[in-house]
Protein backbone atom coordinates (compact mmCIF):
# COMPACT_ATOMS: atom_id res chain seq x y z
CA MET A 1 -21.33 -50.87 26.63
CA GLY A 2 -19.39 -51.52 23.42
CA VAL A 3 -20.15 -55.24 23.10
CA PRO A 4 -22.58 -56.65 20.48
CA LEU A 5 -25.84 -58.14 21.77
CA ARG A 6 -24.97 -61.52 20.26
CA GLN A 7 -21.84 -61.76 22.39
CA GLN A 8 -23.62 -60.50 25.50
CA ILE A 9 -26.23 -63.24 25.11
CA ALA A 10 -23.60 -65.95 24.60
CA VAL A 11 -21.62 -64.89 27.66
CA GLY A 12 -24.79 -64.43 29.73
CA THR A 13 -25.94 -67.93 28.82
CA TYR A 14 -22.58 -69.34 29.87
CA LEU A 15 -22.76 -67.53 33.22
CA LEU A 16 -26.29 -68.76 33.86
CA LYS A 17 -25.22 -72.36 33.18
CA GLN A 18 -22.40 -72.06 35.72
CA LYS A 19 -24.85 -70.76 38.30
CA LEU A 20 -27.39 -73.50 37.64
CA LYS A 21 -24.67 -76.14 37.94
CA GLY A 22 -23.47 -74.62 41.21
CA VAL A 23 -19.94 -74.01 39.94
CA LYS A 24 -18.04 -71.79 42.38
CA LYS A 25 -14.87 -71.10 40.40
CA TYR A 26 -15.31 -70.68 36.67
CA PRO A 27 -13.36 -68.76 34.02
CA MET A 28 -14.81 -65.89 32.01
CA VAL A 29 -11.84 -65.10 29.77
CA LEU A 30 -8.88 -67.31 28.89
CA MET A 31 -5.67 -65.26 28.70
CA LEU A 32 -3.85 -67.22 26.00
CA GLU A 33 -0.29 -65.94 25.82
CA PRO A 34 1.44 -67.89 23.03
CA LEU A 35 4.74 -65.98 23.21
CA PHE A 36 6.57 -63.28 25.15
CA ARG A 37 8.57 -61.85 22.23
CA CYS A 38 7.59 -58.30 21.22
CA ASN A 39 8.68 -55.70 18.69
CA LEU A 40 8.41 -52.91 21.27
CA ALA A 41 9.99 -52.37 24.69
CA CYS A 42 7.42 -50.36 26.66
CA ALA A 43 8.44 -48.73 29.95
CA GLY A 44 5.56 -50.34 31.88
CA CYS A 45 5.83 -53.85 30.45
CA GLY A 46 6.60 -56.80 32.70
CA LYS A 47 6.42 -59.47 30.01
CA ILE A 48 9.56 -59.14 27.88
CA ASP A 49 12.34 -59.21 30.48
CA TYR A 50 13.32 -62.80 29.71
CA PRO A 51 16.44 -64.33 28.12
CA ASP A 52 16.34 -65.02 24.40
CA HIS A 53 15.77 -68.76 24.77
CA ILE A 54 12.48 -67.97 26.57
CA LEU A 55 11.51 -65.17 24.17
CA ASP A 56 12.02 -67.59 21.28
CA GLN A 57 9.53 -70.12 22.67
CA ARG A 58 6.02 -70.45 21.21
CA LEU A 59 2.85 -72.33 22.06
CA SER A 60 1.88 -74.53 19.12
CA VAL A 61 -1.55 -74.52 17.50
CA GLU A 62 -2.28 -77.82 19.22
CA GLN A 63 -1.28 -76.48 22.65
CA CYS A 64 -3.47 -73.42 22.15
CA MET A 65 -6.49 -75.53 21.18
CA GLU A 66 -5.94 -77.80 24.17
CA ALA A 67 -5.93 -74.75 26.46
CA VAL A 68 -9.14 -73.37 24.92
CA ASP A 69 -10.90 -76.72 25.24
CA GLU A 70 -9.60 -77.43 28.74
CA CYS A 71 -10.54 -74.01 30.11
CA GLY A 72 -13.95 -73.72 28.44
CA ALA A 73 -14.25 -69.93 28.84
CA PRO A 74 -16.54 -68.23 26.29
CA MET A 75 -13.94 -65.53 25.51
CA VAL A 76 -10.24 -65.74 24.69
CA SER A 77 -7.85 -62.81 24.97
CA ILE A 78 -4.57 -63.30 23.11
CA PRO A 79 -1.93 -60.95 24.56
CA GLY A 80 1.82 -61.32 24.50
CA GLY A 81 4.43 -60.23 23.61
CA GLU A 82 3.12 -59.32 20.20
CA PRO A 83 0.81 -62.10 18.93
CA LEU A 84 1.17 -61.15 15.26
CA ILE A 85 4.83 -62.21 15.42
CA HIS A 86 3.62 -65.81 15.87
CA LYS A 87 3.75 -67.47 12.44
CA GLU A 88 0.83 -69.77 13.25
CA MET A 89 -1.45 -67.08 14.66
CA PRO A 90 -3.91 -67.27 11.70
CA GLN A 91 -4.38 -71.01 12.37
CA ILE A 92 -4.77 -70.40 16.11
CA VAL A 93 -7.44 -67.77 15.47
CA ALA A 94 -9.23 -70.01 12.97
CA GLY A 95 -9.29 -72.88 15.45
CA ILE A 96 -10.76 -70.71 18.20
CA ILE A 97 -13.42 -69.30 15.85
CA ALA A 98 -14.34 -72.86 14.84
CA ARG A 99 -15.10 -73.45 18.53
CA LYS A 100 -17.37 -70.35 18.55
CA LYS A 101 -15.30 -68.55 21.16
CA TYR A 102 -15.00 -64.76 21.10
CA ILE A 103 -11.40 -63.67 20.51
CA TYR A 104 -9.71 -60.41 21.43
CA LEU A 105 -6.41 -60.44 19.54
CA CYS A 106 -4.30 -57.84 21.37
CA THR A 107 -1.74 -56.09 19.20
CA ASN A 108 0.35 -52.93 19.05
CA ALA A 109 -0.69 -52.88 15.36
CA LEU A 110 2.82 -52.40 13.95
CA LEU A 111 2.38 -55.59 11.90
CA LEU A 112 -1.39 -55.44 11.42
CA LYS A 113 -1.43 -53.75 8.02
CA LYS A 114 0.99 -56.37 6.67
CA LYS A 115 -0.79 -59.32 8.33
CA MET A 116 -4.43 -58.29 7.87
CA ASP A 117 -4.94 -60.42 4.74
CA ASP A 118 -4.28 -63.50 6.89
CA TYR A 119 -7.61 -62.94 8.68
CA THR A 120 -11.27 -62.75 7.70
CA PRO A 121 -13.82 -60.50 9.42
CA SER A 122 -15.92 -62.51 11.86
CA PRO A 123 -18.32 -61.74 14.72
CA TYR A 124 -15.98 -63.89 16.83
CA LEU A 125 -12.78 -61.93 16.10
CA THR A 126 -11.83 -58.51 17.47
CA PHE A 127 -8.52 -56.74 16.99
CA SER A 128 -7.81 -55.10 20.36
CA ILE A 129 -5.27 -52.41 19.54
CA HIS A 130 -2.99 -50.95 22.18
CA LEU A 131 -3.29 -47.15 22.43
CA ASP A 132 -2.30 -45.42 25.66
CA GLY A 133 -3.50 -41.98 24.67
CA LEU A 134 -3.02 -39.50 21.85
CA LYS A 135 0.15 -39.34 19.76
CA GLU A 136 2.65 -37.79 22.18
CA ARG A 137 1.39 -39.77 25.17
CA HIS A 138 1.23 -43.11 23.39
CA ASP A 139 4.62 -42.85 21.71
CA ALA A 140 6.18 -41.93 25.07
CA SER A 141 4.47 -44.92 26.70
CA VAL A 142 5.81 -47.38 24.13
CA CYS A 143 9.21 -45.64 24.00
CA GLN A 144 9.22 -45.26 20.23
CA ASP A 145 8.19 -42.41 17.94
CA GLY A 146 5.69 -42.97 15.13
CA VAL A 147 3.85 -45.91 16.69
CA PHE A 148 0.64 -43.97 17.25
CA ASP A 149 0.33 -42.96 13.60
CA ARG A 150 0.93 -46.52 12.40
CA ALA A 151 -1.61 -47.90 14.88
CA VAL A 152 -4.27 -45.38 13.81
CA GLU A 153 -3.62 -46.20 10.16
CA ALA A 154 -4.14 -49.90 10.92
CA ILE A 155 -7.31 -49.17 12.91
CA LYS A 156 -8.84 -47.24 10.03
CA LEU A 157 -7.95 -49.98 7.55
CA ALA A 158 -9.34 -52.76 9.78
CA VAL A 159 -12.60 -50.86 10.38
CA ALA A 160 -12.94 -50.21 6.63
CA ARG A 161 -12.51 -53.92 5.92
CA GLY A 162 -15.29 -54.85 8.32
CA PHE A 163 -13.28 -56.15 11.27
CA ARG A 164 -14.39 -55.66 14.84
CA VAL A 165 -11.87 -53.26 16.41
CA THR A 166 -11.41 -52.01 19.97
CA VAL A 167 -8.63 -50.08 21.66
CA ASN A 168 -6.97 -51.10 24.90
CA CYS A 169 -5.79 -48.07 26.91
CA THR A 170 -3.59 -48.34 29.99
CA LEU A 171 -3.27 -45.26 32.19
CA PHE A 172 -0.06 -44.18 33.91
CA GLN A 173 1.24 -41.32 36.07
CA GLY A 174 0.74 -37.84 34.69
CA GLU A 175 -2.67 -38.49 33.12
CA THR A 176 -5.39 -35.87 33.54
CA PRO A 177 -9.13 -36.45 33.12
CA GLU A 178 -9.16 -33.88 30.31
CA ASP A 179 -6.39 -35.66 28.37
CA VAL A 180 -8.07 -39.05 28.72
CA ALA A 181 -11.45 -37.60 27.71
CA GLU A 182 -9.89 -36.04 24.61
CA PHE A 183 -8.35 -39.40 23.73
CA LEU A 184 -11.64 -41.28 24.16
CA ASP A 185 -13.43 -38.70 22.01
CA TYR A 186 -10.84 -39.25 19.29
CA ALA A 187 -10.99 -43.05 19.61
CA MET A 188 -14.77 -43.05 19.14
CA GLU A 189 -14.34 -40.96 15.98
CA LEU A 190 -12.23 -43.76 14.50
CA GLY A 191 -15.33 -45.96 14.32
CA ILE A 192 -14.13 -48.54 16.82
CA GLU A 193 -16.53 -50.82 18.69
CA GLY A 194 -15.38 -49.72 22.12
CA ALA A 195 -12.47 -49.05 24.44
CA THR A 196 -10.95 -50.89 27.38
CA ILE A 197 -9.45 -48.55 29.95
CA ALA A 198 -7.66 -49.48 33.16
CA PRO A 199 -4.76 -48.40 35.42
CA GLY A 200 -1.40 -49.99 34.69
CA PHE A 201 -0.27 -52.80 36.98
CA SER A 202 3.12 -52.24 38.63
CA TYR A 203 4.94 -55.28 37.27
CA GLU A 204 8.01 -56.12 39.32
CA ARG A 205 9.87 -56.78 36.07
CA ALA A 206 8.87 -53.47 34.45
CA PRO A 207 11.86 -51.29 33.43
CA ARG A 208 10.38 -48.28 35.26
CA GLN A 209 8.42 -48.27 38.51
CA ASP A 210 7.74 -44.53 38.77
CA ILE A 211 5.08 -44.47 36.05
CA PHE A 212 2.30 -46.37 37.83
CA ILE A 213 -0.73 -44.68 39.40
CA LYS A 214 -1.51 -45.88 42.92
CA GLY A 215 -4.17 -45.78 45.60
CA LYS A 216 -6.63 -42.94 45.83
CA ASP A 217 -4.96 -41.15 42.90
CA THR A 218 -6.32 -43.86 40.62
CA LYS A 219 -9.86 -43.45 41.88
CA ASN A 220 -9.75 -39.67 41.69
CA LEU A 221 -8.49 -39.87 38.12
CA PHE A 222 -11.34 -42.13 37.08
CA ARG A 223 -13.89 -39.98 38.88
CA GLY A 224 -12.65 -37.04 36.86
CA ILE A 225 -12.81 -39.03 33.63
CA PHE A 226 -16.32 -40.32 34.27
CA LYS A 227 -17.55 -36.88 35.28
CA LEU A 228 -16.49 -35.56 31.89
CA GLY A 229 -17.89 -38.67 30.23
CA LYS A 230 -21.44 -37.97 31.38
CA THR A 231 -21.83 -35.62 28.41
CA ARG A 232 -19.95 -37.84 25.93
CA ASN A 233 -20.99 -40.89 23.96
CA TRP A 234 -18.14 -43.21 24.93
CA LYS A 235 -18.47 -46.96 24.44
CA LEU A 236 -16.44 -48.71 27.13
CA ASN A 237 -15.93 -52.47 27.10
CA HIS A 238 -16.53 -52.94 30.80
CA SER A 239 -19.36 -53.80 33.13
CA THR A 240 -20.80 -50.73 34.84
CA LEU A 241 -19.95 -52.09 38.29
CA TYR A 242 -16.27 -52.43 37.33
CA LEU A 243 -16.30 -48.78 36.26
CA ASP A 244 -17.96 -47.94 39.58
CA PHE A 245 -15.16 -49.85 41.33
CA LEU A 246 -12.53 -47.77 39.49
CA ALA A 247 -14.29 -44.65 40.79
CA GLY A 248 -13.93 -45.84 44.39
CA ASN A 249 -17.58 -46.79 44.92
CA GLN A 250 -17.23 -50.57 45.31
CA ASN A 251 -14.92 -52.48 47.66
CA TYR A 252 -14.05 -55.59 45.67
CA GLN A 253 -11.62 -58.45 46.08
CA CYS A 254 -10.19 -59.82 42.85
CA THR A 255 -11.34 -63.03 41.19
CA PRO A 256 -8.06 -64.33 39.70
CA TRP A 257 -9.53 -67.59 38.35
CA GLY A 258 -11.95 -65.51 36.25
CA ASN A 259 -9.14 -64.76 33.75
CA PRO A 260 -6.72 -67.72 33.91
CA THR A 261 -3.49 -67.52 31.92
CA ARG A 262 -1.87 -70.19 29.75
CA ASN A 263 1.58 -69.32 28.44
CA VAL A 264 4.83 -71.02 27.40
CA PHE A 265 5.52 -72.06 31.01
CA GLY A 266 2.10 -73.59 31.70
CA TRP A 267 -0.96 -72.32 33.60
CA GLN A 268 0.26 -69.26 35.51
CA LYS A 269 -0.46 -68.97 39.24
CA PRO A 270 -2.46 -67.06 40.32
CA CYS A 271 -3.15 -64.67 37.44
CA TYR A 272 -1.89 -62.93 34.32
CA LEU A 273 -0.10 -60.21 36.31
CA LEU A 274 1.99 -62.16 38.84
CA SER A 275 4.62 -64.18 37.01
CA ASP A 276 6.79 -65.47 39.86
CA GLU A 277 4.28 -67.59 41.79
CA GLY A 278 4.65 -70.86 39.90
CA TYR A 279 2.77 -72.77 37.22
CA ALA A 280 0.32 -75.66 36.96
CA SER A 281 0.40 -78.35 34.29
CA SER A 282 -3.37 -78.22 33.68
CA PHE A 283 -6.30 -75.89 34.22
CA GLN A 284 -7.82 -78.25 36.77
CA GLU A 285 -4.55 -78.32 38.69
CA LEU A 286 -4.52 -74.51 38.62
CA LEU A 287 -7.98 -74.42 40.19
CA GLU A 288 -7.29 -77.09 42.80
CA ASP A 289 -3.68 -76.41 43.83
CA THR A 290 -3.40 -72.62 43.77
CA PRO A 291 -3.59 -71.17 47.32
CA TRP A 292 -6.10 -68.50 46.29
CA GLU A 293 -6.39 -67.19 49.84
CA LYS A 294 -2.79 -65.89 49.60
CA TYR A 295 -3.68 -63.41 46.85
CA GLY A 296 -5.80 -60.31 46.42
CA ASN A 297 -5.47 -56.69 47.54
CA SER A 298 -6.21 -57.52 51.18
CA SER A 299 -4.01 -60.64 51.32
CA ASN A 300 -0.81 -59.92 49.40
CA PRO A 301 1.31 -56.74 49.16
CA LYS A 302 2.05 -57.54 45.49
CA CYS A 303 -1.66 -57.12 44.81
CA ALA A 304 -2.20 -54.07 47.01
CA GLN A 305 -2.44 -51.43 44.27
CA CYS A 306 -4.02 -53.59 41.56
CA MET A 307 -7.31 -52.50 39.99
CA ALA A 308 -6.80 -54.23 36.64
CA HIS A 309 -9.81 -55.50 34.74
CA CYS A 310 -8.31 -59.00 34.40
CA GLY A 311 -8.68 -59.35 38.17
CA TYR A 312 -11.78 -57.34 38.98
CA GLU A 313 -14.07 -57.53 35.96
CA ALA A 314 -15.09 -61.06 36.93
CA THR A 315 -15.80 -59.85 40.48
CA ALA A 316 -18.00 -57.07 39.12
CA VAL A 317 -19.90 -59.51 36.91
CA GLU A 318 -20.48 -61.83 39.86
CA ASP A 319 -21.76 -58.86 41.87
CA MET A 320 -24.08 -57.98 38.99
CA LEU A 321 -25.52 -61.50 39.04
CA GLN A 322 -26.02 -61.32 42.80
CA HIS A 323 -27.41 -57.75 42.81
CA PRO A 324 -29.08 -57.03 39.44
CA VAL A 325 -31.00 -54.00 40.74
CA LYS A 326 -27.79 -52.34 41.92
CA ALA A 327 -26.19 -53.08 38.56
CA LEU A 328 -29.17 -51.65 36.68
CA LEU A 329 -29.20 -48.44 38.72
CA THR A 330 -25.44 -48.02 38.25
CA SER A 331 -25.86 -48.57 34.52
CA LEU A 332 -28.57 -45.93 34.30
CA ARG A 333 -26.79 -43.23 36.31
CA GLY A 334 -23.17 -44.12 35.52
CA PRO A 335 -20.36 -44.33 38.09
CA ARG A 336 -20.77 -41.94 41.02
CA THR A 337 -18.21 -39.13 40.77
CA THR A 338 -18.83 -37.23 44.02
CA GLY A 339 -19.21 -38.04 47.69
CA PRO A 340 -17.18 -40.31 49.95
CA MET A 341 -15.41 -43.37 48.57
CA VAL A 342 -16.03 -46.77 50.10
CA ALA A 343 -13.73 -47.70 52.96
CA GLU A 344 -11.12 -50.30 52.08
CA SER A 345 -10.50 -53.34 54.25
CA THR A 346 -7.30 -53.41 56.30
CA PRO A 347 -4.91 -55.70 54.40
CA LYS A 348 -4.16 -58.98 56.16
CA TRP A 349 -0.46 -58.58 55.42
CA ALA A 350 -0.52 -55.14 57.05
CA SER A 351 -2.26 -56.59 60.12
CA GLU A 352 0.41 -59.27 60.37
CA LYS A 353 3.11 -56.59 60.34
CA LEU A 354 1.30 -54.69 63.04
CA LYS A 355 1.15 -57.84 65.17
CA SER A 356 4.82 -58.65 64.70
CA PRO A 357 7.08 -59.08 67.77
CA ALA A 358 8.68 -55.69 67.03
CA THR A 359 5.30 -53.99 67.18
CA LEU A 360 4.26 -55.79 70.33
CA ALA A 361 7.52 -54.67 71.92
CA GLY A 362 6.63 -51.06 71.22
CA ILE A 363 8.91 -50.62 68.19
CA PRO A 364 7.13 -48.81 65.32
CA VAL A 365 6.75 -50.83 62.13
CA LYS A 366 6.28 -49.02 58.85
CA VAL A 367 3.35 -50.44 56.81
CA GLU A 368 3.93 -49.82 53.11
């Protein structure tokens, strides 16, 4: 696992405190999204399809600090849009570090070389750089040539200056285990701390819908990747049970409150990935007023294909706390890559379709 021991201890202590206090719903990572504006237009992005007056909005330093304090999560991920566009990002980062929170500043790295002097290496700050594969694959994913080379240049410079650096890789249709393995081998050679790897979520607002991996194809892809990885020294920034889930060996429901999102509209219901379900004015309101039972892969067709880490990593961590022996054995052997996959629960929304008046009348209903 590519996470320093110091951070593991801090997060573990936080989790233990929540358990001792009997807290049922607690956040692990705050998704702090201070703007939607980006300097790329990726085919799989569902975050930039807004009118200019929305793209021009920003969360202030004060609003960001209020969100960090209100949420209380030990880690803060700063996605976007492109965070480095935000003129006050250095002050936002400094304020979060002062609170001893661990930051993952997500960036496509196009501005990182220019902006790097605005930041100081810290055990609390990690540049999480977006790379969706090797040169040809990544540049096709972000719909612009030359981005891969600029990102790699920035990675090398940041590592040389002593910054913590990870890469964030999203997988789409057309990936092969061999291609992903080759990419991970290359990424490790760059001297990064670790890699985050997950299937892309099929945003309704994404320009293209034919690029997303779905269903059993996702699990088979990850089984192939992990099978090759048994002989490699990859450092992946995930819990072992989440990786086992990606390989089809765990039947999890998502934990959307584990990674709550604060953006220019407010606290997003129910999670970072669904943007049309409404907003709360405070974190407490988000917890209390969101109809959580309406969401998840067995409750909502919008969630049916989702296996994203922002929804399921918290579930895997909770499972680890409940079943430490299982987690230890999975960590020692790695994700299982052969044998039957766990059976998935019949989605509630599918059951409702099957029980519709048309079905009861003997008229076939297609379940998608």
